[in-house]
Protein backbone atom coordinates (compact mmCIF):
# COMPACT_ATOMS: atom_id res chain seq x y z
CA MET A 1 -0.38 25.55 -7.56
CA ASN A 2 -0.65 29.32 -7.77
CA ALA A 3 -0.20 29.74 -11.44
CA PRO A 4 -3.35 29.60 -13.54
CA ILE A 5 -4.19 26.17 -15.12
CA ASP A 6 -3.27 26.03 -18.80
CA TYR A 7 -6.16 24.26 -20.26
CA ARG A 8 -8.33 24.13 -23.56
CA ILE A 9 -11.93 22.70 -24.37
CA SER A 10 -12.06 19.80 -26.56
CA GLU A 11 -15.07 18.33 -27.84
CA GLN A 12 -15.21 14.67 -29.22
CA ASP A 13 -18.32 12.60 -29.81
CA GLY A 14 -20.50 14.84 -28.42
CA ARG A 15 -18.61 14.89 -25.30
CA ARG A 16 -16.72 18.00 -23.98
CA PHE A 17 -13.20 17.53 -22.29
CA ALA A 18 -10.84 19.67 -20.36
CA VAL A 19 -7.30 19.15 -21.63
CA MET A 20 -4.42 20.47 -19.55
CA PRO A 21 -0.65 19.49 -19.33
CA LEU A 22 0.17 16.30 -17.41
CA GLU A 23 2.07 18.00 -14.70
CA GLN A 24 -0.64 20.18 -13.67
CA PHE A 25 -3.04 17.48 -13.81
CA THR A 26 -0.97 15.52 -11.51
CA GLU A 27 -0.54 18.38 -9.21
CA LEU A 28 -4.32 18.55 -9.06
CA VAL A 29 -4.92 14.98 -8.33
CA ASP A 30 -2.30 15.02 -5.54
CA ARG A 31 -3.95 17.87 -3.93
CA ALA A 32 -7.28 16.30 -4.21
CA GLY A 33 -6.15 13.42 -2.06
CA GLU A 34 -4.82 15.58 0.69
CA ALA A 35 -8.15 16.30 2.16
CA ASP A 36 -9.06 12.87 3.01
CA ALA A 37 -5.49 11.49 2.93
CA LEU A 38 -5.68 10.33 6.49
CA THR A 39 -8.89 8.50 6.26
CA LEU A 40 -8.28 5.09 7.36
CA PRO A 41 -10.56 1.85 7.30
CA HIS A 42 -10.95 0.47 10.84
CA GLU A 43 -9.57 -2.73 9.83
CA VAL A 44 -6.04 -1.22 8.89
CA VAL A 45 -5.93 1.00 12.27
CA SER A 46 -6.58 -1.88 14.58
CA ARG A 47 -4.18 -4.15 12.88
CA HIS A 48 -1.71 -1.38 12.87
CA LEU A 49 -1.96 -0.26 16.23
CA VAL A 50 -3.25 -3.38 18.15
CA ASP A 51 -1.25 -6.13 16.40
CA ASP A 52 1.82 -3.74 15.93
CA VAL A 53 1.57 -4.97 11.96
CA PRO A 54 3.50 -2.35 9.53
CA LEU A 55 1.09 -0.03 7.58
CA VAL A 56 2.29 -1.63 4.10
CA ARG A 57 1.04 -5.02 4.97
CA CYS A 58 -2.01 -3.53 6.58
CA TRP A 59 -3.00 -2.09 3.47
CA ARG A 60 -2.04 -5.06 1.43
CA GLU A 61 -4.02 -7.32 3.38
CA TYR A 62 -7.12 -4.94 3.44
CA LEU A 63 -6.81 -4.74 -0.18
CA SER A 64 -6.83 -8.38 -0.56
CA MET A 65 -3.33 -8.31 -2.36
CA THR A 66 -0.75 -11.02 -2.00
CA GLN A 67 2.80 -10.08 -1.66
CA ALA A 68 3.28 -11.37 -5.31
CA ASP A 69 0.27 -8.99 -6.51
CA LEU A 70 1.89 -6.26 -5.24
CA ALA A 71 5.39 -7.18 -6.50
CA GLU A 72 4.13 -7.74 -9.81
CA ARG A 73 2.60 -4.04 -9.90
CA LEU A 74 5.73 -2.59 -8.77
CA ALA A 75 7.77 -4.74 -10.85
CA VAL A 76 9.95 -6.00 -7.99
CA SER A 77 10.24 -9.48 -6.41
CA GLN A 78 7.92 -10.93 -3.73
CA ALA A 79 10.82 -11.34 -1.58
CA GLN A 80 11.38 -7.29 -1.77
CA VAL A 81 7.59 -6.50 -0.70
CA ALA A 82 8.41 -8.97 2.22
CA GLN A 83 11.28 -6.87 3.14
CA TRP A 84 9.38 -3.91 3.11
CA GLU A 85 6.81 -5.35 5.27
CA ARG A 86 9.22 -6.23 8.14
CA PRO A 87 8.46 -4.22 11.47
CA ALA A 88 12.05 -2.98 11.32
CA ALA A 89 12.18 -1.56 7.49
CA ARG A 90 12.69 2.05 7.02
CA LEU A 91 11.39 2.82 3.65
CA ARG A 92 12.28 5.95 1.82
CA HIS A 93 9.53 8.19 0.96
CA ALA A 94 9.90 7.51 -2.69
CA THR A 95 9.40 3.91 -2.20
CA LEU A 96 6.45 4.48 0.07
CA LYS A 97 5.05 6.70 -2.76
CA ARG A 98 5.41 4.02 -5.15
CA ILE A 99 3.97 1.60 -3.05
CA ALA A 100 1.05 3.82 -2.50
CA SER A 101 0.39 4.52 -6.09
CA ALA A 102 0.56 0.69 -6.69
CA MET A 103 -2.00 0.12 -4.15
CA GLY A 104 -4.11 3.02 -5.25
CA ILE A 105 -3.95 4.97 -2.08
CA HIS A 106 -2.38 8.28 -1.12
CA VAL A 107 1.01 8.09 0.40
CA ARG A 108 -0.19 9.86 3.36
CA GLN A 109 -2.17 6.88 4.36
CA LEU A 110 1.06 4.81 4.50
CA THR A 111 3.14 7.26 6.51
CA LEU A 112 0.42 8.84 8.39
CA GLU A 113 2.23 12.13 8.27
CA ASP A 114 0.53 15.72 7.86
């Protein structure tokens, strides 16, 4: 983001807020997560590398979510989540981004890409 941020200051109930276009806010949030995007809990890394479990499943289990929980957040079937968690599954980046968002993590934590 090289363009200046288009914002205004708003005050409500004695609190001050910076109001900006959603596109700029979203980009800032995405960039904020980049610095620590590859931070992975030991449990996720161990399960993925030692037990050869796909990262989608590692994260889902680490976050104490069932396949049904994740499916509900994504408005897909539990069977679809099971397909995504297969070792041979090749997920599109857009799908990984949706899954990461539903889990509350950064997509890079699912892709391990720089």
